[in-house]
Protein backbone atom coordinates (compact mmCIF):
# COMPACT_ATOMS: atom_id res chain seq x y z
CA MET A 1 -31.61 38.69 -31.15
CA SER A 2 -28.47 36.98 -31.97
CA ARG A 3 -25.24 37.95 -30.66
CA ILE A 4 -22.08 37.30 -33.25
CA VAL A 5 -18.69 35.70 -31.25
CA ARG A 6 -15.75 35.91 -32.79
CA TRP A 7 -14.47 32.58 -33.13
CA ASP A 8 -11.05 31.58 -31.95
CA PRO A 9 -9.10 28.50 -32.37
CA PHE A 10 -7.29 28.59 -29.40
CA ARG A 11 -10.40 28.66 -26.86
CA GLU A 12 -11.81 26.24 -28.55
CA MET A 13 -8.57 23.98 -28.01
CA ILE A 14 -8.34 24.59 -24.57
CA SER A 15 -12.02 23.64 -23.90
CA VAL A 16 -11.16 20.50 -26.06
CA ARG A 17 -7.93 19.61 -23.50
CA ASN A 18 -9.76 20.41 -20.11
CA GLN A 19 -12.82 17.73 -21.18
CA MET A 20 -9.61 15.42 -22.19
CA ASP A 21 -8.36 16.41 -18.33
CA GLN A 22 -11.23 14.95 -16.87
CA PHE A 23 -11.99 11.65 -19.44
CA VAL A 24 -8.82 10.75 -18.45
CA GLY A 25 -8.18 11.72 -14.87
CA ASP A 26 -11.82 9.86 -14.25
CA LEU A 27 -10.10 6.51 -15.78
CA PHE A 28 -7.56 6.89 -13.86
CA ARG A 29 -9.00 7.90 -10.44
CA GLU A 30 -9.19 5.48 -7.63
CA PRO A 31 -12.81 4.83 -6.35
CA ALA A 32 -13.53 6.15 -2.72
CA GLY A 33 -14.95 3.56 -0.51
CA TRP A 34 -16.37 0.41 -1.27
CA GLN A 35 -16.97 -0.79 -4.47
CA GLY A 36 -19.10 -4.19 -5.40
CA ASN A 37 -22.72 -4.99 -5.56
CA GLY A 38 -23.49 -5.97 -2.03
CA GLU A 39 -22.17 -9.54 -2.86
CA GLY A 40 -18.69 -8.44 -1.80
CA GLY A 41 -16.12 -6.23 -3.26
CA HIS A 42 -13.10 -4.20 -2.26
CA MET A 43 -12.58 -1.43 -0.42
CA ARG A 44 -10.01 1.37 -1.46
CA LEU A 45 -8.87 2.27 2.15
CA PRO A 46 -8.61 6.26 2.70
CA LEU A 47 -4.56 7.25 4.49
CA ASP A 48 -3.29 10.00 6.35
CA VAL A 49 0.35 9.51 6.47
CA SER A 50 2.52 12.28 7.99
CA GLU A 51 5.98 12.67 8.80
CA ASP A 52 8.41 14.40 11.59
CA ASP A 53 12.32 14.31 11.78
CA ASN A 54 12.65 10.65 13.75
CA SER A 55 9.27 9.07 11.97
CA TYR A 56 6.53 8.50 9.84
CA SER A 57 2.95 8.21 11.05
CA VAL A 58 -0.07 6.67 8.70
CA THR A 59 -3.30 6.30 10.12
CA ALA A 60 -6.50 4.15 8.77
CA SER A 61 -9.89 4.32 9.72
CA LEU A 62 -11.52 0.97 9.81
CA PRO A 63 -14.52 0.53 11.87
CA GLY A 64 -15.96 -2.46 12.84
CA ILE A 65 -12.61 -4.93 11.64
CA ASP A 66 -11.32 -7.25 13.72
CA PRO A 67 -7.61 -6.34 14.00
CA ALA A 68 -7.01 -10.03 13.97
CA ASP A 69 -8.30 -9.73 10.83
CA LEU A 70 -5.81 -7.18 9.44
CA GLU A 71 -2.67 -8.12 7.58
CA ILE A 72 0.39 -5.50 7.63
CA SER A 73 3.11 -6.02 6.13
CA PHE A 74 6.48 -4.03 5.20
CA SER A 75 9.11 -4.46 2.44
CA GLU A 76 11.52 -2.56 0.58
CA ASN A 77 9.94 0.95 1.89
CA SER A 78 5.98 -0.64 0.53
CA LEU A 79 3.55 -1.11 3.08
CA THR A 80 0.58 -2.52 2.95
CA ILE A 81 -2.34 -2.93 4.74
CA GLN A 82 -4.86 -5.85 4.00
CA GLY A 83 -8.00 -7.06 5.89
CA GLU A 84 -11.50 -8.55 4.87
CA THR A 85 -14.92 -7.69 6.31
CA GLN A 86 -17.05 -10.17 7.16
CA ALA A 87 -21.02 -10.23 5.37
CA GLU A 88 -23.62 -9.45 8.27
CA SER A 89 -26.86 -11.80 8.08
CA VAL A 90 -29.59 -10.62 5.97
CA GLU A 91 -33.30 -11.17 6.36
CA GLU A 92 -34.59 -12.03 2.96
CA ASN A 93 -38.05 -10.85 2.73
CA ALA A 94 -36.24 -7.16 4.21
CA LYS A 95 -37.54 -4.18 2.22
CA TRP A 96 -34.08 -2.28 1.85
CA HIS A 97 -34.54 1.47 1.54
CA LEU A 98 -31.11 2.16 1.79
CA ARG A 99 -27.89 0.22 1.81
CA GLU A 100 -24.95 1.62 1.19
CA ARG A 101 -22.68 -0.40 3.40
CA SER A 102 -20.69 -3.36 2.07
CA PHE A 103 -18.25 -6.12 3.07
CA GLY A 104 -15.13 -7.43 1.39
CA ARG A 105 -11.31 -7.58 0.73
CA PHE A 106 -9.67 -4.47 0.76
CA VAL A 107 -5.56 -3.95 0.46
CA ARG A 108 -3.98 -0.83 0.45
CA ARG A 109 -0.30 -0.06 -0.20
CA ILE A 110 2.15 2.79 -0.32
CA THR A 111 5.82 3.76 -0.92
CA LEU A 112 7.57 5.89 1.53
CA PRO A 113 10.01 8.51 0.65
CA ALA A 114 13.09 7.46 2.23
CA GLY A 115 14.50 4.65 4.17
CA VAL A 116 12.19 3.05 7.79
CA ASN A 117 13.44 1.12 10.69
CA ALA A 118 11.74 -1.93 9.99
CA ASP A 119 12.39 -3.47 13.32
CA ASP A 120 11.18 -0.98 15.04
CA ILE A 121 6.98 -0.18 13.12
CA SER A 122 4.35 -0.52 15.95
CA ALA A 123 0.94 -0.70 15.18
CA ASP A 124 -2.11 0.50 17.41
CA TYR A 125 -5.81 -0.05 16.90
CA GLU A 126 -8.03 1.88 19.09
CA ASP A 127 -11.71 2.17 18.79
CA GLY A 128 -11.67 1.22 14.88
CA VAL A 129 -9.01 3.78 14.12
CA LEU A 130 -5.60 1.61 12.96
CA THR A 131 -2.16 3.67 13.72
CA LEU A 132 1.20 2.54 12.34
CA THR A 133 4.46 4.50 13.45
CA LEU A 134 7.48 3.68 11.17
CA PRO A 135 10.60 4.96 12.40
CA LYS A 136 13.00 6.27 10.40
CA ALA A 137 16.27 4.44 10.16
CA ASP A 138 19.22 6.38 11.43
CA GLU A 139 20.84 7.30 8.23
CA VAL A 140 17.99 9.71 6.90
CA LYS A 141 17.13 11.20 10.17
CA PRO A 142 18.64 15.03 9.86
CA ARG A 143 21.85 15.34 11.71
CA ILE A 144 22.89 18.33 13.51
CA ILE A 145 26.27 19.59 12.17
CA ALA A 146 28.89 21.43 14.76
CA VAL A 147 30.24 24.60 13.66
CA ARG A 148 33.22 25.93 14.99
CA GLY A 149 34.90 29.27 14.78
CA SER A 150 38.57 29.88 14.68
CA GLY A 151 40.40 28.67 17.78
CA GLU A 152 36.87 27.78 19.55
CA GLU A 153 35.34 24.29 20.43
CA ALA A 154 32.02 23.56 18.20
CA VAL A 155 29.09 24.97 18.79
CA ALA A 156 25.69 22.97 17.87
CA ALA A 157 23.31 25.11 14.68
């Protein structure tokens, strides 16, 4: 038995819009993880970025990468992390069942929302985890404003 459904042009438009949003989103979404065919490729380096009153903290997982192979730069509130992983020697007659690890160059650039004291940026690399500490510039740090009552000394808020 067939069911009769009343045609609703708005429902059709919403359906088409949802499909277009998904299509356009897929076009512009950055790929996760390694890209390439095993002959080399590029990596989208996932980052964790947080901030407190005094600094920004950027953390990246880079297992198996020699810290000497990393290049980190900062200019005009833009942080760039780049490097390269080297290919492993592979036996030509090996029969692969699964090969997901890859190698190649990676670059990641982010822009921070406020001023950074570039002279005091520090980088630590331990157990495959890169941690960058970017101290905020003094002009963007929160300041405590003292409030005075009539005839009283200033009281910190």
